Each structure stands twice: as C-alpha cells, then as structure tokens.
Protein backbone atom coordinates (compact mmCIF):
# COMPACT_ATOMS: atom_id res chain seq x y z
CA MET A 1 -148.03 96.92 70.03
CA ASN A 2 -150.47 97.93 72.74
CA GLN A 3 -150.16 100.99 74.92
CA PRO A 4 -150.88 100.31 78.62
CA GLN A 5 -153.69 102.27 80.20
CA THR A 6 -151.65 103.58 83.09
CA ASP A 7 -154.58 105.62 84.39
CA THR A 8 -156.30 102.36 85.38
CA ALA A 9 -155.51 100.03 88.25
CA PRO A 10 -152.55 97.74 87.50
CA LEU A 11 -153.12 94.03 87.00
CA MET A 12 -150.04 93.32 89.12
CA GLU A 13 -147.99 95.52 91.41
CA ALA A 14 -144.94 95.07 93.59
CA LYS A 15 -143.82 97.43 96.33
CA ASP A 16 -140.72 97.71 98.52
CA LEU A 17 -139.20 94.44 97.32
CA ILE A 18 -135.92 93.46 98.93
CA VAL A 19 -134.10 90.20 98.22
CA ALA A 20 -130.67 89.48 99.65
CA TYR A 21 -128.40 86.47 99.36
CA SER A 22 -125.67 85.95 101.96
CA GLY A 23 -126.38 89.41 103.29
CA GLN A 24 -125.96 91.13 99.91
CA LYS A 25 -128.96 92.82 98.29
CA VAL A 26 -129.68 91.67 94.75
CA LEU A 27 -133.06 93.41 94.56
CA ASP A 28 -134.08 96.68 96.21
CA LEU A 29 -137.10 97.91 94.28
CA PRO A 30 -139.55 100.55 95.57
CA SER A 31 -142.29 99.73 93.05
CA ILE A 32 -143.26 98.36 89.67
CA GLN A 33 -146.63 97.92 87.97
CA VAL A 34 -147.86 95.62 85.22
CA PHE A 35 -150.96 96.72 83.29
CA GLN A 36 -153.59 94.66 81.50
CA ASN A 37 -152.69 93.65 77.93
CA GLU A 38 -149.27 95.29 77.92
CA VAL A 39 -145.91 93.71 77.10
CA LEU A 40 -143.48 94.92 79.75
CA GLY A 41 -139.78 94.35 79.18
CA ILE A 42 -137.23 94.23 81.98
CA ILE A 43 -133.70 94.72 80.68
CA GLY A 44 -130.38 94.99 82.45
CA PRO A 45 -126.86 93.61 82.57
CA ASN A 46 -125.99 90.23 84.03
CA GLY A 47 -126.41 90.19 87.80
CA SER A 48 -128.66 93.27 87.85
CA GLY A 49 -131.64 91.49 89.46
CA LYS A 50 -133.80 90.80 86.38
CA THR A 51 -134.49 87.13 87.05
CA THR A 52 -134.88 87.74 90.79
CA LEU A 53 -137.59 90.31 90.03
CA LEU A 54 -139.39 87.84 87.77
CA LEU A 55 -139.22 85.14 90.45
CA CYS A 56 -140.70 87.58 92.98
CA LEU A 57 -143.53 88.64 90.67
CA THR A 58 -144.41 84.99 90.04
CA ARG A 59 -143.98 84.21 93.75
CA LEU A 60 -141.56 81.41 92.95
CA ILE A 61 -139.43 83.05 95.61
CA LYS A 62 -140.55 85.12 98.57
CA PRO A 63 -138.83 88.49 99.08
CA GLN A 64 -137.43 89.32 102.51
CA THR A 65 -139.64 92.39 102.56
CA GLY A 66 -142.28 93.88 100.30
CA ILE A 67 -145.53 92.77 98.75
CA VAL A 68 -146.74 91.53 95.38
CA SER A 69 -150.40 92.15 94.58
CA TYR A 70 -152.57 90.66 91.85
CA HIS A 71 -155.90 92.28 90.98
CA GLY A 72 -155.36 94.45 94.05
CA THR A 73 -154.99 91.50 96.44
CA SER A 74 -151.68 90.82 98.20
CA ILE A 75 -150.13 87.47 97.35
CA LEU A 76 -148.80 86.25 100.65
CA ASP A 77 -148.79 82.49 101.16
CA GLY A 78 -150.88 79.36 100.75
CA LYS A 79 -154.06 79.67 98.70
CA ALA A 80 -153.24 83.11 97.32
CA VAL A 81 -149.96 81.88 95.83
CA LEU A 82 -151.64 78.75 94.46
CA GLN A 83 -154.36 80.88 92.87
CA LEU A 84 -151.75 83.13 91.25
CA HIS A 85 -149.90 80.12 89.85
CA ARG A 86 -153.12 78.93 88.25
CA GLN A 87 -153.43 82.24 86.38
CA ILE A 88 -149.89 82.59 85.04
CA ALA A 89 -147.39 80.71 82.87
CA VAL A 90 -143.60 80.95 82.99
CA VAL A 91 -141.09 80.19 80.23
CA PHE A 92 -137.47 80.01 81.36
CA GLN A 93 -134.23 80.32 79.41
CA GLU A 94 -133.83 76.54 79.62
CA SER A 95 -136.80 74.77 78.06
CA LEU A 96 -137.23 72.43 81.08
CA LEU A 97 -139.01 69.74 79.11
CA LEU A 98 -139.93 66.32 80.49
CA ASN A 99 -138.18 63.41 78.78
CA ASN A 100 -141.45 62.48 77.10
CA SER A 101 -143.06 63.28 73.77
CA VAL A 102 -143.77 66.79 72.55
CA TRP A 103 -147.48 66.09 73.03
CA ASP A 104 -147.00 65.00 76.64
CA ASN A 105 -144.99 68.14 77.37
CA VAL A 106 -147.61 70.45 75.91
CA VAL A 107 -150.54 68.86 77.76
CA ILE A 108 -148.91 68.25 81.16
CA GLY A 109 -149.95 71.60 82.63
CA LEU A 110 -153.51 71.22 81.40
CA LYS A 111 -153.76 67.79 83.00
CA LEU A 112 -152.43 69.12 86.30
CA ARG A 113 -155.10 71.81 86.19
CA LYS A 114 -157.71 69.10 85.53
CA VAL A 115 -158.89 70.54 82.22
CA LYS A 116 -161.38 68.25 80.46
CA PRO A 117 -159.82 65.86 77.89
CA LYS A 118 -161.71 67.35 74.93
CA GLU A 119 -160.52 70.84 75.86
CA ILE A 120 -156.96 69.57 76.36
CA LYS A 121 -156.94 68.12 72.87
CA ALA A 122 -158.32 71.28 71.28
CA ARG A 123 -155.88 73.62 73.04
CA ALA A 124 -152.84 71.43 72.45
CA GLU A 125 -153.59 71.00 68.76
CA LYS A 126 -154.16 74.75 68.33
CA TRP A 127 -150.83 75.78 69.83
CA LEU A 128 -148.79 72.96 68.33
CA GLU A 129 -150.04 74.11 64.95
CA ARG A 130 -149.56 77.80 65.74
CA PHE A 131 -145.91 77.30 66.70
CA GLY A 132 -145.24 75.03 63.73
CA ILE A 133 -144.51 71.81 65.60
CA ALA A 134 -147.69 69.79 64.96
CA ALA A 135 -145.65 67.24 63.00
CA LEU A 136 -143.40 66.64 66.04
CA VAL A 137 -146.05 65.47 68.52
CA LYS A 138 -144.54 61.98 68.85
CA ARG A 139 -140.93 63.11 69.02
CA GLN A 140 -139.10 62.72 72.33
CA ALA A 141 -137.95 65.95 73.94
CA ARG A 142 -134.29 64.87 74.04
CA THR A 143 -134.25 64.63 70.21
CA LEU A 144 -135.45 68.21 69.62
CA SER A 145 -133.29 71.05 68.38
CA SER A 146 -133.03 74.11 70.62
CA GLY A 147 -135.56 75.96 68.45
CA GLU A 148 -138.03 73.05 68.49
CA ALA A 149 -137.67 72.75 72.26
CA LYS A 150 -138.36 76.46 72.70
CA ARG A 151 -141.44 76.24 70.48
CA THR A 152 -142.65 73.32 72.60
CA SER A 153 -142.19 75.39 75.78
CA LEU A 154 -144.12 78.29 74.27
CA ALA A 155 -146.93 76.04 73.04
CA ARG A 156 -147.18 74.57 76.55
CA ALA A 157 -147.40 78.04 78.08
CA PHE A 158 -150.00 79.42 75.68
CA ALA A 159 -152.13 76.27 75.97
CA LEU A 160 -152.64 77.17 79.63
CA GLN A 161 -154.37 80.40 78.52
CA PRO A 162 -152.61 82.39 81.25
CA GLU A 163 -153.73 85.84 82.27
CA VAL A 164 -150.07 86.81 82.62
CA LEU A 165 -147.16 85.26 80.74
CA PHE A 166 -143.64 85.56 82.15
CA LEU A 167 -140.52 84.87 80.10
CA ASP A 168 -136.92 84.82 81.32
CA GLU A 169 -134.35 85.29 78.53
CA PRO A 170 -136.42 82.98 76.28
CA PHE A 171 -134.46 83.40 73.03
CA THR A 172 -130.88 83.63 74.30
CA ALA A 173 -129.59 80.15 73.41
CA LEU A 174 -130.86 80.10 69.82
CA ASP A 175 -128.80 80.58 66.68
CA GLY A 176 -129.41 83.74 64.65
CA PRO A 177 -131.87 82.54 61.96
CA THR A 178 -133.84 80.36 64.41
CA ARG A 179 -134.04 83.21 66.91
CA GLN A 180 -135.24 85.73 64.32
CA GLU A 181 -137.94 83.40 62.99
CA LEU A 182 -139.19 82.56 66.48
CA LEU A 183 -139.17 86.22 67.52
CA GLU A 184 -141.38 87.09 64.56
CA ASP A 185 -143.78 84.22 65.35
CA PHE A 186 -143.88 85.16 69.01
CA LYS A 187 -144.56 88.83 68.28
CA SER A 188 -147.41 87.82 66.00
CA VAL A 189 -148.91 85.59 68.70
CA LEU A 190 -148.71 88.38 71.28
CA GLY A 191 -150.55 90.66 68.89
CA GLU A 192 -153.28 88.07 68.34
CA THR A 193 -153.80 87.07 71.97
CA ARG A 194 -153.04 90.37 73.76
CA ILE A 195 -151.89 88.34 76.76
CA THR A 196 -150.32 90.51 79.45
CA THR A 197 -146.62 89.66 79.25
CA VAL A 198 -143.49 90.34 81.27
CA ILE A 199 -140.27 89.51 79.43
CA VAL A 200 -136.82 89.62 80.99
CA THR A 201 -133.94 90.11 78.58
CA HIS A 202 -130.53 91.70 78.20
CA ASP A 203 -131.05 92.14 74.45
CA ARG A 204 -132.08 95.63 73.35
CA ASN A 205 -133.36 94.33 69.99
CA GLU A 206 -135.82 92.00 71.73
CA ALA A 207 -137.04 94.87 73.87
CA LEU A 208 -137.43 97.15 70.85
CA ALA A 209 -139.28 94.50 68.85
CA LEU A 210 -141.64 93.15 71.50
CA THR A 211 -142.43 95.55 74.30
CA ASP A 212 -144.84 98.42 74.97
CA ARG A 213 -142.85 99.62 77.98
CA VAL A 214 -139.35 98.77 79.07
CA GLY A 215 -137.73 99.10 82.49
CA VAL A 216 -133.96 99.23 82.88
CA ILE A 217 -132.81 97.48 86.04
CA ILE A 218 -129.32 98.14 87.37
CA GLY A 219 -128.11 97.23 90.83
CA GLY A 220 -131.45 95.71 91.77
CA ASN A 221 -133.57 98.80 91.04
CA ILE A 222 -135.51 100.10 88.04
CA VAL A 223 -133.54 103.20 87.04
CA GLN A 224 -135.61 104.15 83.97
CA LEU A 225 -139.06 103.14 82.75
CA GLY A 226 -140.80 104.24 79.57
CA THR A 227 -141.58 103.31 76.00
CA PRO A 228 -138.73 101.66 74.08
CA ALA A 229 -138.39 104.82 71.98
CA GLU A 230 -138.03 106.98 75.11
CA VAL A 231 -135.54 104.71 76.85
CA PHE A 232 -133.33 103.91 73.86
CA SER A 233 -133.25 107.39 72.36
CA SER A 234 -133.08 109.32 75.64
CA PRO A 235 -131.33 107.27 78.36
CA ALA A 236 -131.52 108.93 81.76
CA ASN A 237 -127.83 108.66 82.62
CA GLU A 238 -124.45 107.50 81.35
CA GLU A 239 -124.68 104.08 83.00
CA ILE A 240 -127.93 103.33 81.16
CA ALA A 241 -126.49 104.72 77.92
CA ASN A 242 -123.51 102.38 78.23
CA PHE A 243 -125.70 99.35 78.83
CA ILE A 244 -128.13 99.97 75.98
CA GLU A 245 -125.29 100.96 73.64
CA ALA A 246 -126.88 104.31 72.93
CA GLY A 247 -123.92 105.32 70.76
CA ASN A 248 -120.89 107.53 71.18
CA ILE A 249 -120.53 108.96 74.69
CA VAL A 250 -118.63 112.23 74.72
CA HIS A 251 -117.93 114.53 77.68
CA GLY A 252 -117.81 118.29 77.22
CA VAL A 253 -118.69 121.73 78.60
CA VAL A 254 -121.35 124.12 77.26
CA GLU A 255 -119.48 127.13 75.93
CA THR A 256 -122.36 129.26 74.66
CA GLN A 257 -126.14 129.10 74.79
CA SER A 258 -128.57 130.86 72.45
CA GLU A 259 -132.30 130.12 72.37
CA GLY A 260 -131.98 126.35 72.71
CA LEU A 261 -128.88 125.95 70.58
CA ALA A 262 -125.66 125.36 72.50
CA LEU A 263 -122.02 125.02 71.54
CA VAL A 264 -120.25 122.35 73.53
CA ARG A 265 -116.47 122.34 73.85
CA VAL A 266 -114.93 118.87 73.47
CA GLY A 267 -111.15 119.19 73.51
CA GLU A 268 -110.31 121.53 70.64
CA ARG A 269 -113.64 120.95 68.91
CA GLN A 270 -117.02 122.63 69.22
CA ILE A 271 -120.19 120.58 68.80
CA GLU A 272 -123.53 122.26 68.18
CA VAL A 273 -126.44 120.64 70.04
CA CYS A 274 -130.04 121.34 70.96
CA SER A 275 -130.03 122.08 74.68
CA GLU A 276 -131.28 124.66 77.18
CA LEU A 277 -128.41 124.02 79.60
CA PRO A 278 -126.55 127.24 80.45
CA ALA A 279 -122.96 128.08 79.58
CA GLY A 280 -120.52 126.40 81.95
CA SER A 281 -122.60 123.24 82.33
CA ARG A 282 -120.67 119.99 82.17
CA VAL A 283 -122.49 117.64 79.83
CA ILE A 284 -122.52 114.17 78.34
CA LEU A 285 -123.32 113.95 74.64
CA LEU A 286 -124.89 110.75 73.32
CA ILE A 287 -124.45 110.45 69.57
CA PRO A 288 -126.10 107.39 67.97
CA TYR A 289 -123.74 105.44 65.72
CA ASP A 290 -126.17 105.38 62.81
CA ASP A 291 -126.72 109.15 63.00
CA VAL A 292 -123.06 109.77 62.13
CA THR A 293 -122.53 110.03 58.36
CA ILE A 294 -119.16 109.77 56.66
CA ASN A 295 -118.06 111.61 53.54
CA LEU A 296 -114.83 111.96 51.64
CA PRO A 297 -113.23 115.42 51.49
CA PRO A 298 -113.85 117.95 50.13
CA THR A 299 -117.46 118.29 51.34
CA ASP A 300 -118.21 121.78 50.04
CA THR A 301 -120.57 120.46 47.36
CA ILE A 302 -122.51 118.16 49.71
CA THR A 303 -126.02 119.37 50.57
CA THR A 304 -126.90 118.44 54.13
CA SER A 305 -128.62 119.88 57.19
CA ALA A 306 -125.88 118.50 59.45
CA ARG A 307 -124.46 121.45 61.38
CA ASN A 308 -121.49 119.51 62.74
CA ARG A 309 -118.65 118.58 60.36
CA PHE A 310 -115.50 117.00 61.77
CA PRO A 311 -112.47 116.23 59.57
CA GLY A 312 -110.48 113.28 60.85
CA LYS A 313 -108.76 109.96 60.14
CA VAL A 314 -110.18 106.45 60.21
CA VAL A 315 -108.50 104.60 63.08
CA LYS A 316 -110.53 101.38 63.09
CA LEU A 317 -112.83 99.37 60.83
CA PHE A 318 -114.84 96.50 62.32
CA ARG A 319 -117.26 94.45 60.23
CA THR A 320 -120.44 93.15 61.88
CA GLY A 321 -122.55 91.22 59.40
CA SER A 322 -123.79 93.58 56.68
CA GLN A 323 -122.54 96.67 58.55
CA VAL A 324 -119.20 98.24 59.38
CA ARG A 325 -118.30 100.16 62.54
CA VAL A 326 -115.98 102.98 61.52
CA THR A 327 -114.08 104.83 64.27
CA ILE A 328 -112.69 108.24 63.37
CA ASN A 329 -110.22 110.36 65.30
CA CYS A 330 -111.52 113.89 64.80
CA GLY A 331 -110.05 115.44 67.95
CA PHE A 332 -112.16 112.90 69.85
CA HIS A 333 -113.15 109.41 68.82
CA LEU A 334 -116.44 109.18 66.92
CA THR A 335 -117.87 105.87 65.69
CA ALA A 336 -120.30 105.52 62.79
CA LEU A 337 -122.30 102.47 61.76
CA ILE A 338 -122.62 102.22 57.98
CA THR A 339 -123.44 99.52 55.44
CA ARG A 340 -120.64 97.35 54.11
CA LYS A 341 -121.59 98.50 50.60
CA SER A 342 -121.07 102.16 51.56
CA ALA A 343 -117.70 101.36 53.12
CA GLU A 344 -116.61 99.53 49.97
CA GLU A 345 -117.84 102.30 47.65
CA MET A 346 -115.84 104.90 49.60
CA GLY A 347 -112.83 102.58 49.77
CA LEU A 348 -112.55 103.15 53.53
CA ARG A 349 -109.32 102.01 55.14
CA GLU A 350 -107.40 102.82 58.31
CA GLY A 351 -105.48 106.10 58.10
CA MET A 352 -107.80 107.52 55.45
CA GLU A 353 -108.91 111.17 55.66
CA VAL A 354 -112.71 111.53 56.00
CA VAL A 355 -115.29 113.99 57.30
CA ALA A 356 -117.84 112.90 59.92
CA MET A 357 -121.16 114.75 59.99
CA VAL A 358 -123.80 114.86 62.73
CA LYS A 359 -127.05 116.81 62.98
CA ALA A 360 -127.48 118.85 66.15
CA VAL A 361 -130.95 117.35 66.70
CA SER A 362 -129.48 113.81 66.68
CA ILE A 363 -127.41 114.46 69.80
CA HIS A 364 -128.95 113.68 73.20
CA VAL A 365 -127.57 115.91 75.95
CA LEU A 366 -127.32 114.96 79.62
CA ALA A 367 -126.15 117.15 82.48
CA ARG A 368 -123.02 115.64 84.09
CA HIS A 369 -122.95 115.90 87.84
C-alpha cells in the first residue's frame, strides 16, 4: 500500500470537532488529517464515534464546534459543502440502492452531476466490469444478493471518480467467502486507482489488509494513530490492546533490570522481557497468541531461542476454523493460537501437561500507571 507523505499539506483536516446528542458527547476530537493517496482506517468499538467522525468529514452532519477543511479551505455551509460533495463518494454499511436496475443505480450519481451520456456509458461499463457485475445490469436491486448489492454500491462510487472515497463498515454484512473475495477485489482496485480513502471499521483484519495508517477511536477521540504494524504490534495502552485483541494481557512488576533485559514477576513466575523500565515498575505484558508455542514435556532436547518456558496444564481448547485457541494454566493463564493439525498431532486435551514457550522479544511491555 501507499505511505502518506505527512510532510506535505493534508488533503483534508479536521480540528476541535465536538458532536453531542442529548447533551452527551459522542465525538471530542482535537485533530485528524487525511493525506493524498493514502488509505486511512478508523477503527474502534461500537459507539466509539467512528461513524460520527465520518459524517463530520463528509459534512453530512455539522459538528457543534470545530472545522473541517478540504485543500486548506474550511467547509462551512452552502457552496463549500456542495463543492465538497461533488468531489467525494460515500459507501455505507447498507447498500442504499434504488429499487431500479443495477445499471440505473450505477449511473444515477453521474446523471445528477450532469456528466455527458457518452462518458456515463464508458464509466459505468468500466466499473460494472471491474467489480464483476456486468452481466447483472438489467437485474432489479431487490433481487441482488448482499455481495452483488455491495459490488453495485462500489461500482457506483468509483464511477464518480471521487477525489476522496469514504466507506462506513462496508463489508460487515457479508458472509465469509463473499467478504474475502470482495476484500481482495477492493484492495486491488485501491492499488490501481490510488484514490484517497477513509474506511471506518471495527474489524482489525480489514484494517491490516487495506490501510496505510490506522487510527483507534475510543470514547470519541483518536487515542492512537500509526501504521497498522505499529498499532497492532505495539498498542499504546491496555484499553487499545483489549479492543484490537493484541493477545494475552498479563500484569506484573519488574523485579530486575540489566541492560535492556528485565525479569518481570507474575505471581510465582518470572518472565524475561526486553524493556528499559527500572526495577519496581508495574507493567502490562502483551503476549500475542500466535507467538506462544506449545510443546510436550520433556523439552530438554528442543532447540529454541525462547527464553521463557512455562510448564502447565491445558484448561481450555476452543476451535476457530482451521485454528485452535489453547489456554494453559502455568501459574497465570496463557493462551496460544495453533493450527488444528498441530493440536491433533500433539493429542491436546484438557488437563494435559504441556510446556508453553515465549521469546522475550515477542512480548510488548507497557508501564502500568
């Protein structure tokens, strides 16, 4: 994906946005910027203010306070808002199709913008073909599957050739295979067009797959902003870690510190981590599920760089598709995510003695205040 040129002026910017309903703030955001050609993801739990932020950026609602600027010009009212709406396209969670044919739905925006008929035909045909629904042009919207309806909405949006594309939970209502196929098509289209995009989602996999930067919004404010790798591997606090399912969250106290290697006391166990925090510091350890490996005792003959080895008992097995979540009581609960094949080969079952292993470098350490 593209990397935004954050040393240049933003394409869009919002400052000091406040939106309240019935006296309760749902958005209280000091600032956010959208850069040319980037895909910016906004993720957060339900009710965190994601959709409200999108509606403010598109000026479909007006915040109580704050400004939204586009190309450095504040979007206040009247002509400025109309001009913005001519430069953007919005795809909502619901497809919001007219009860007409697929063709009529794809061309309606172009007709409203008074695009010439020849150009309308060329654009519509291009995007109907690109999203694989050219054969459905005469079908009525009410007869479409959810995936076909979503493809129609996307074709309609891209046909407008927007400078900025906004999407609000666009893939939520789709079944697994349909969603995966459409995600792959959509990612390919974004790579081809390089349209500046803002996508709102609560799904970490969508954010990882599609975005250049991702902002986590909780309680109406962006609490962390960075590349997907930065946010998902190094969440800024425990609340963010919980939301993005960063892995095991373990509380402890730094017992010793030596040149960037620390021993953290967790109950009766010691966990070696990479950290500069001094002895006595209360910490939160984030241990990704897929960085925990499981072996059967004895482990003396196993060659590994994992410095942490924790004997324990399996207390829970939970199958999720081709993977199994294995929770081990090793003085504290530690969950690993392994393949179903590995679980079957080891004959894992509840009550079984195992050894969990974790590399010190795999553990993200946060100071706990």
